[in-house]
Amino acid sequence: MSDDSNQSPSNSGSQVTPASNQNLIIGLVMGAAILLLVFLVFNNQNNSSNSSSDYDEVAELKERIANLKREGNQLPAQQNMGAGANNYGVDPLKLAEEISTEANTLAGLIGNFASEIQTKEALLQTARDTETLLNRRIQDLQRQNSDLLANSNEAAKLRNELESLKTLYDNAQRQIEELRKRPDVATLDELRRQNDELRARVADLSELDAENAQLRAEVRRLRNLLDRSTLFVESADALPALAQRLFRELERLEEFSPAALADQYKRIEMELNARPLRSINFETGSSQLTSEKVSIIKNDLRVTHPEAFLLVVGYASKTGEFELNRKLSSDRATSVASQVNADKKNTQSVRAVFLNETSRFSKEQETLNQICEIWEIRP
């Protein structure tokens, strides 16, 4: 009996009261909450650099602090219910110890986060300094690139100028070579002297050519006189039969127009096998053949039949006296026949005859009627 009474005061002196436990728990919870707020501030500042494992650990601590708050809120209810409330399994001292442990852990995490933030801020500052250096380097490189482009353009300009100078140099070299090939003054004087001599000889030859032309004309005139007796016939009756038929046909064509005359010539060619080879026109009052007309007659005779009979028919215009016109036309016909006789083939024959005054070739220009026709009569 006495033992029980002595033990009771001792237990009551050392026993923790519910009120003191409640105040301790509330203080620890408030401290943990404050530490959590500080942690959240650091967490927001370093939100972009936290790893996924940090977030998981913080979430776990939040959940544990919330559980501690709920357990702390249950203590007043247990105290109101008396000593039997401990039967719910909540030990205030153990709870306070856990809260203290979690608060220390949270404080350690906050310290770690603060250290990491400082480290990352230092790295960030280093990165910014590096970025600044890189920007400066980029600007330097851009300036160097601009300088290189300017130098490149200048180099291209210099190359073009160099090419132009090379071209000028080559042209100058060619001109120098040409000048070297040119004769000297003495050679030029000799060439001028030779040129003057050649010009003098050409002048002499020109005079001789004129004299030769006169001589050739005189030779033709004398040949005409010699050939007149053998080549020219005063009457068509002295011609061979085919030549006489051709002469009579030509006499009947006086009234035909130039266009109709061409059709009649085609008819004569078909009926008599005779064709007009060439018409030779003469200047007024002249019966001489020019060198050009002599060449024309030679070329025409090359395409004639080897045994053809060549008849030269002389015409005169109707201006002036008939006898003078007849004599002039006869001389013209004889001149043409003499040239034909000189150029014909040995197996061919030629005669000349005067037909009459005419205007059949042109009624407006009388000079066009001052002609001789060369006819080829084929066997």
Protein backbone atom coordinates (compact mmCIF):
# COMPACT_ATOMS: atom_id res chain seq x y z
CA MET A 1 0.00 0.00 0.00
CA SER A 2 2.74 2.35 0.99
CA ASP A 3 4.77 1.35 -2.07
CA ASP A 4 1.98 2.45 -4.47
CA SER A 5 1.57 5.86 -2.82
CA ASN A 6 5.26 6.64 -3.07
CA GLN A 7 5.46 5.73 -6.74
CA SER A 8 2.62 7.99 -7.95
CA PRO A 9 4.24 11.40 -7.30
CA SER A 10 7.40 10.30 -9.06
CA ASN A 11 5.48 9.33 -12.25
CA SER A 12 3.46 12.50 -12.27
CA GLY A 13 6.59 14.65 -12.00
CA SER A 14 8.30 13.10 -15.08
CA GLN A 15 5.22 12.54 -17.30
CA VAL A 16 4.85 14.83 -20.33
CA THR A 17 1.57 16.66 -20.39
CA PRO A 18 -0.69 16.60 -23.41
CA ALA A 19 -0.61 20.38 -23.68
CA SER A 20 3.20 20.49 -23.91
CA ASN A 21 3.21 17.71 -26.55
CA GLN A 22 0.67 19.56 -28.61
CA ASN A 23 2.66 22.79 -28.54
CA LEU A 24 5.85 20.95 -29.52
CA ILE A 25 4.20 19.22 -32.46
CA ILE A 26 2.56 22.45 -33.67
CA GLY A 27 5.92 24.23 -33.52
CA LEU A 28 7.66 21.49 -35.43
CA VAL A 29 4.92 21.47 -38.06
CA MET A 30 5.15 25.26 -38.46
CA GLY A 31 8.92 25.04 -38.79
CA ALA A 32 8.60 22.32 -41.41
CA ALA A 33 6.06 24.46 -43.27
CA ILE A 34 8.42 27.45 -43.24
CA LEU A 35 11.28 25.28 -44.48
CA LEU A 36 8.97 23.97 -47.20
CA LEU A 37 8.13 27.52 -48.29
CA VAL A 38 11.82 28.39 -48.46
CA PHE A 39 12.42 25.23 -50.45
CA LEU A 40 9.64 26.12 -52.85
CA VAL A 41 11.17 29.57 -53.41
CA PHE A 42 14.51 28.00 -54.33
CA ASN A 43 12.70 25.40 -56.36
CA ASN A 44 10.92 28.08 -58.46
CA GLN A 45 14.19 29.92 -59.08
CA ASN A 46 15.85 26.76 -60.32
CA ASN A 47 12.77 25.13 -61.86
CA SER A 48 14.25 24.99 -65.36
CA SER A 49 17.42 23.17 -64.20
CA ASN A 50 16.03 20.55 -61.69
CA SER A 51 16.20 16.91 -62.65
CA SER A 52 13.23 14.52 -62.53
CA SER A 53 14.69 12.71 -59.44
CA ASP A 54 14.69 16.03 -57.47
CA TYR A 55 11.02 16.57 -58.24
CA ASP A 56 10.16 13.05 -57.03
CA GLU A 57 12.02 13.58 -53.74
CA VAL A 58 10.32 16.94 -53.10
CA ALA A 59 6.91 15.45 -53.82
CA GLU A 60 7.60 12.66 -51.38
CA LEU A 61 8.60 15.19 -48.66
CA LYS A 62 5.45 17.22 -49.29
CA GLU A 63 3.34 14.13 -48.85
CA ARG A 64 5.11 13.17 -45.59
CA ILE A 65 4.72 16.70 -44.17
CA ALA A 66 1.03 16.62 -45.01
CA ASN A 67 0.71 13.32 -43.13
CA LEU A 68 2.49 14.86 -40.14
CA LYS A 69 0.06 17.76 -40.20
CA ARG A 70 -2.86 15.37 -40.14
CA GLU A 71 -1.36 13.43 -37.25
CA GLY A 72 -0.70 16.67 -35.37
CA ASN A 73 -4.29 17.74 -35.86
CA GLN A 74 -5.44 14.46 -34.30
CA LEU A 75 -3.63 15.12 -30.99
CA PRO A 76 -6.12 17.67 -29.52
CA ALA A 77 -8.90 15.24 -30.12
CA GLN A 78 -6.99 12.48 -28.36
CA GLN A 79 -6.21 14.79 -25.43
CA ASN A 80 -9.86 15.67 -25.02
CA MET A 81 -10.71 12.00 -24.94
CA GLY A 82 -8.26 11.34 -22.03
CA ALA A 83 -5.51 8.80 -21.52
CA GLY A 84 -7.34 6.25 -23.55
CA ALA A 85 -6.65 8.29 -26.72
CA ASN A 86 -3.20 6.77 -26.99
CA ASN A 87 -4.88 3.58 -27.95
CA TYR A 88 -5.11 5.04 -31.52
CA GLY A 89 -1.40 4.35 -31.99
CA VAL A 90 -0.06 7.97 -32.16
CA ASP A 91 3.08 8.54 -30.10
CA PRO A 92 3.66 12.32 -29.76
CA LEU A 93 7.39 11.99 -29.06
CA LYS A 94 7.92 9.69 -32.01
CA LEU A 95 5.87 12.02 -34.18
CA ALA A 96 7.93 15.00 -33.05
CA GLU A 97 11.11 13.10 -33.75
CA GLU A 98 9.95 12.22 -37.27
CA ILE A 99 8.96 15.81 -37.92
CA SER A 100 12.35 16.98 -36.75
CA THR A 101 14.08 14.41 -38.95
CA GLU A 102 12.04 15.38 -42.00
CA ALA A 103 12.66 19.06 -41.33
CA ASN A 104 16.41 18.41 -41.15
CA THR A 105 16.23 16.41 -44.38
CA LEU A 106 14.28 19.20 -46.04
CA ALA A 107 16.79 21.74 -44.79
CA GLY A 108 19.59 19.61 -46.23
CA LEU A 109 17.82 19.44 -49.59
CA ILE A 110 17.32 23.18 -49.56
CA GLY A 111 21.03 23.61 -48.90
CA ASN A 112 21.87 21.24 -51.75
CA PHE A 113 19.50 23.08 -54.07
CA ALA A 114 21.02 26.40 -53.09
CA SER A 115 24.50 25.03 -53.83
CA GLU A 116 23.34 23.65 -57.18
CA ILE A 117 21.72 26.98 -58.02
CA GLN A 118 24.97 28.80 -57.30
CA THR A 119 26.88 26.28 -59.39
CA LYS A 120 24.42 26.56 -62.28
CA GLU A 121 24.42 30.35 -62.03
CA ALA A 122 28.20 30.25 -62.28
CA LEU A 123 27.90 27.94 -65.31
CA LEU A 124 25.23 30.23 -66.77
CA GLN A 125 27.51 33.25 -66.28
CA THR A 126 30.34 31.31 -67.90
CA ALA A 127 28.03 30.44 -70.80
CA ARG A 128 27.04 34.10 -71.13
CA ASP A 129 30.69 35.14 -71.13
CA THR A 130 31.40 32.47 -73.74
CA GLU A 131 28.44 33.70 -75.81
CA THR A 132 29.78 37.24 -75.64
CA LEU A 133 33.20 36.05 -76.78
CA LEU A 134 31.61 34.02 -79.60
CA ASN A 135 29.54 37.03 -80.70
CA ARG A 136 32.70 39.11 -80.82
CA ARG A 137 34.46 36.34 -82.74
CA ILE A 138 31.53 36.15 -85.17
CA GLN A 139 31.68 39.90 -85.71
CA ASP A 140 35.42 39.65 -86.34
CA LEU A 141 34.87 36.83 -88.81
CA GLN A 142 32.14 38.81 -90.57
CA ARG A 143 34.49 41.77 -90.89
CA GLN A 144 37.19 39.47 -92.20
CA ASN A 145 34.72 37.97 -94.69
CA SER A 146 33.75 41.45 -95.89
CA ASP A 147 37.42 42.30 -96.29
CA LEU A 148 37.98 39.07 -98.22
CA LEU A 149 35.07 39.83 -100.53
CA ALA A 150 36.41 43.31 -101.14
CA ASN A 151 39.85 41.87 -101.80
CA SER A 152 38.32 39.28 -104.15
CA ASN A 153 36.57 41.98 -106.17
CA GLU A 154 39.76 43.98 -106.29
CA ALA A 155 41.66 40.88 -107.41
CA ALA A 156 39.14 40.26 -110.21
CA LYS A 157 39.50 43.87 -111.30
CA LEU A 158 43.26 43.53 -111.30
CA ARG A 159 43.03 40.31 -113.35
CA ASN A 160 40.89 42.08 -115.95
CA GLU A 161 43.34 44.94 -116.11
CA LEU A 162 46.16 42.43 -116.47
CA GLU A 163 44.39 40.72 -119.38
CA SER A 164 43.87 44.08 -121.05
CA LEU A 165 47.53 44.92 -120.61
CA LYS A 166 48.50 41.52 -122.06
CA THR A 167 46.30 42.18 -125.09
CA LEU A 168 47.86 45.61 -125.58
CA TYR A 169 51.31 44.07 -125.23
CA ASP A 170 50.55 41.37 -127.83
CA ASN A 171 49.19 43.98 -130.26
CA ALA A 172 52.27 46.08 -129.74
CA GLN A 173 54.50 43.05 -130.41
CA ARG A 174 52.63 42.31 -133.65
CA GLN A 175 52.98 45.90 -134.76
CA ILE A 176 56.68 45.80 -133.97
CA GLU A 177 57.07 42.62 -136.05
CA GLU A 178 55.18 44.22 -138.94
CA LEU A 179 57.36 47.30 -138.73
CA ARG A 180 60.45 45.11 -138.74
CA LYS A 181 59.25 43.40 -141.92
CA ARG A 182 58.72 46.70 -143.72
CA PRO A 183 61.46 47.77 -146.09
CA ASP A 184 63.88 50.50 -145.25
CA VAL A 185 64.07 53.88 -146.96
CA ALA A 186 66.45 52.71 -149.66
CA THR A 187 64.24 49.72 -150.50
CA LEU A 188 61.18 51.96 -150.62
CA ASP A 189 62.93 54.32 -153.02
CA GLU A 190 63.86 51.41 -155.27
CA LEU A 191 60.28 50.10 -155.21
CA ARG A 192 58.96 53.55 -156.08
CA ARG A 193 61.39 53.77 -159.00
CA GLN A 194 60.30 50.35 -160.29
CA ASN A 195 56.67 51.32 -159.91
CA ASP A 196 57.22 54.47 -161.92
CA GLU A 197 58.89 52.42 -164.65
CA LEU A 198 55.99 49.98 -164.73
CA ARG A 199 53.51 52.84 -164.98
CA ALA A 200 55.44 54.30 -167.87
CA ARG A 201 55.43 50.94 -169.62
CA VAL A 202 51.71 50.54 -169.00
CA ALA A 203 51.14 53.97 -170.51
CA ASP A 204 53.22 52.95 -173.52
CA LEU A 205 51.28 49.71 -173.80
CA SER A 206 48.03 51.61 -173.60
CA GLU A 207 49.15 53.79 -176.47
CA LEU A 208 50.21 50.69 -178.34
CA ASP A 209 46.88 49.05 -177.57
CA ALA A 210 45.08 52.05 -179.00
CA GLU A 211 47.32 51.88 -182.06
CA ASN A 212 46.67 48.14 -182.29
CA ALA A 213 42.93 48.74 -182.12
CA GLN A 214 43.25 51.20 -184.96
CA LEU A 215 45.36 48.73 -186.87
CA ARG A 216 42.87 45.93 -186.23
CA ALA A 217 40.04 48.14 -187.43
CA GLU A 218 42.02 49.00 -190.55
CA VAL A 219 42.76 45.33 -191.10
CA ARG A 220 39.06 44.52 -190.84
CA ARG A 221 38.22 47.35 -193.25
CA LEU A 222 40.73 46.13 -195.80
CA ARG A 223 39.52 42.56 -195.29
CA ASN A 224 35.98 43.71 -195.87
CA LEU A 225 37.01 45.29 -199.15
CA LEU A 226 38.69 42.09 -200.20
CA ASP A 227 35.79 39.90 -199.03
CA ARG A 228 33.06 42.06 -200.52
CA SER A 229 33.44 40.64 -203.98
CA THR A 230 33.21 37.07 -202.71
CA LEU A 231 30.87 37.35 -199.71
CA PHE A 232 28.35 40.05 -200.63
CA VAL A 233 25.72 39.42 -203.31
CA GLU A 234 23.86 42.29 -204.94
CA SER A 235 20.77 40.18 -205.61
CA ALA A 236 19.12 37.33 -203.72
CA ASP A 237 19.04 35.39 -206.97
CA ALA A 238 22.73 34.66 -206.49
CA LEU A 239 22.04 32.82 -203.24
CA PRO A 240 21.54 29.07 -202.87
CA ALA A 241 17.95 27.84 -203.02
CA LEU A 242 17.37 27.55 -199.23
CA ALA A 243 18.92 30.98 -198.67
CA GLN A 244 16.68 32.43 -201.41
CA ARG A 245 13.57 30.99 -199.71
CA LEU A 246 14.66 32.49 -196.38
CA PHE A 247 15.23 35.88 -198.06
CA ARG A 248 11.72 35.85 -199.64
CA GLU A 249 10.14 34.94 -196.30
CA LEU A 250 11.93 37.83 -194.57
CA GLU A 251 10.77 40.27 -197.26
CA ARG A 252 7.12 39.45 -196.47
CA LEU A 253 7.47 40.30 -192.75
CA GLU A 254 7.76 44.08 -193.11
CA GLU A 255 4.31 44.88 -191.72
CA PHE A 256 4.49 42.55 -188.71
CA SER A 257 4.84 43.94 -185.19
CA PRO A 258 7.84 42.87 -183.07
CA ALA A 259 5.67 40.40 -181.09
CA ALA A 260 4.20 38.88 -184.28
CA LEU A 261 7.68 38.87 -185.82
CA ALA A 262 8.89 36.48 -183.12
CA ASP A 263 6.07 34.05 -183.96
CA GLN A 264 6.98 34.24 -187.65
CA TYR A 265 10.61 33.46 -186.86
CA LYS A 266 9.46 30.30 -185.05
CA ARG A 267 7.43 29.34 -188.09
CA ILE A 268 10.40 29.87 -190.39
CA GLU A 269 12.58 27.75 -188.14
CA MET A 270 10.11 24.89 -188.34
CA GLU A 271 9.56 25.17 -192.11
CA LEU A 272 13.08 26.02 -193.35
CA ASN A 273 15.20 24.69 -190.48
CA ALA A 274 16.70 28.16 -190.14
CA ARG A 275 17.12 30.22 -186.97
CA PRO A 276 18.36 33.75 -186.19
CA LEU A 277 21.73 33.30 -184.51
CA ARG A 278 22.43 36.95 -183.54
CA SER A 279 21.38 40.54 -184.30
CA ILE A 280 24.25 43.04 -184.51
CA ASN A 281 23.32 46.70 -184.01
CA PHE A 282 25.42 49.57 -185.42
CA GLU A 283 25.86 53.19 -184.48
CA THR A 284 24.49 55.76 -186.91
CA GLY A 285 26.83 56.21 -189.90
CA SER A 286 29.19 53.38 -188.78
CA SER A 287 29.86 49.98 -190.28
CA GLN A 288 32.77 48.95 -188.02
CA LEU A 289 32.56 46.11 -185.50
CA THR A 290 33.74 46.73 -181.95
CA SER A 291 36.00 44.22 -180.14
CA GLU A 292 33.09 43.24 -177.94
CA LYS A 293 30.90 42.40 -180.93
CA VAL A 294 33.73 40.41 -182.52
CA SER A 295 33.93 38.28 -179.37
CA ILE A 296 30.15 37.77 -179.38
CA ILE A 297 30.23 36.51 -182.98
CA LYS A 298 33.05 34.07 -182.15
CA ASN A 299 31.11 32.60 -179.24
CA ASP A 300 27.90 32.25 -181.28
CA LEU A 301 29.63 30.36 -184.07
CA ARG A 302 30.86 27.67 -181.67
CA VAL A 303 27.36 26.17 -181.37
CA THR A 304 26.48 26.11 -185.08
CA HIS A 305 26.10 23.04 -187.27
CA PRO A 306 29.37 22.03 -188.99
CA GLU A 307 27.75 22.16 -192.47
CA ALA A 308 25.42 25.10 -191.88
CA PHE A 309 24.96 27.90 -194.42
CA LEU A 310 25.36 31.27 -192.70
CA LEU A 311 23.42 34.18 -194.21
CA VAL A 312 24.01 37.79 -193.07
CA VAL A 313 20.99 40.01 -193.83
CA GLY A 314 21.52 43.78 -193.71
CA TYR A 315 18.75 46.26 -192.82
CA ALA A 316 18.65 50.05 -192.88
CA SER A 317 16.44 52.58 -191.15
CA LYS A 318 14.04 54.68 -193.21
CA THR A 319 15.74 57.95 -192.32
CA GLY A 320 17.97 59.56 -194.97
CA GLU A 321 18.43 58.77 -198.67
CA PHE A 322 17.82 55.21 -199.81
CA GLU A 323 21.04 54.82 -201.82
CA LEU A 324 23.17 55.99 -198.93
CA ASN A 325 21.30 53.68 -196.56
CA ARG A 326 21.64 50.76 -198.98
CA LYS A 327 25.40 51.28 -199.32
CA LEU A 328 25.88 51.68 -195.54
CA SER A 329 23.78 48.56 -194.82
CA SER A 330 25.70 46.60 -197.48
CA ASP A 331 28.99 47.64 -195.86
CA ARG A 332 27.66 46.53 -192.45
CA ALA A 333 26.53 43.17 -193.81
CA THR A 334 29.91 42.69 -195.52
CA SER A 335 31.73 43.59 -192.25
CA VAL A 336 29.74 41.00 -190.28
CA ALA A 337 30.11 38.35 -193.02
CA SER A 338 33.87 38.95 -193.17
CA GLN A 339 34.17 38.33 -189.39
CA VAL A 340 31.94 35.25 -189.66
CA ASN A 341 34.07 33.98 -192.51
CA ALA A 342 37.20 34.41 -190.37
CA ASP A 343 35.75 32.47 -187.40
CA LYS A 344 33.51 29.84 -189.06
CA LYS A 345 34.30 26.18 -189.52
CA ASN A 346 35.96 25.15 -192.76
CA THR A 347 32.93 23.11 -193.80
CA GLN A 348 30.56 26.07 -193.47
CA SER A 349 29.65 28.73 -196.06
CA VAL A 350 28.67 32.40 -195.58
CA ARG A 351 27.08 35.12 -197.73
CA ALA A 352 25.79 38.65 -197.11
CA VAL A 353 22.86 40.48 -198.73
CA PHE A 354 21.00 43.74 -198.32
CA LEU A 355 17.25 43.29 -197.75
CA ASN A 356 15.72 46.79 -197.54
CA GLU A 357 14.92 49.78 -195.41
CA THR A 358 12.67 48.72 -192.51
CA SER A 359 10.87 49.72 -189.33
CA ARG A 360 9.86 46.19 -188.35
CA PHE A 361 12.12 46.07 -185.29
CA SER A 362 10.93 49.39 -183.85
CA LYS A 363 8.62 52.09 -185.15
CA GLU A 364 9.63 54.53 -182.40
CA GLN A 365 13.44 54.18 -182.34
CA GLU A 366 14.91 54.15 -185.84
CA THR A 367 18.38 53.23 -184.59
CA LEU A 368 17.05 49.78 -183.61
CA ASN A 369 16.48 49.11 -187.32
CA GLN A 370 20.17 49.67 -188.14
CA ILE A 371 21.06 46.00 -187.73
CA CYS A 372 22.41 42.91 -189.45
CA GLU A 373 20.98 39.47 -188.67
CA ILE A 374 23.07 36.31 -188.80
CA TRP A 375 20.92 33.31 -189.82
CA GLU A 376 21.94 29.68 -189.54
CA ILE A 377 20.42 27.43 -192.21
CA ARG A 378 20.95 23.80 -191.28
CA PRO A 379 21.06 21.03 -193.95
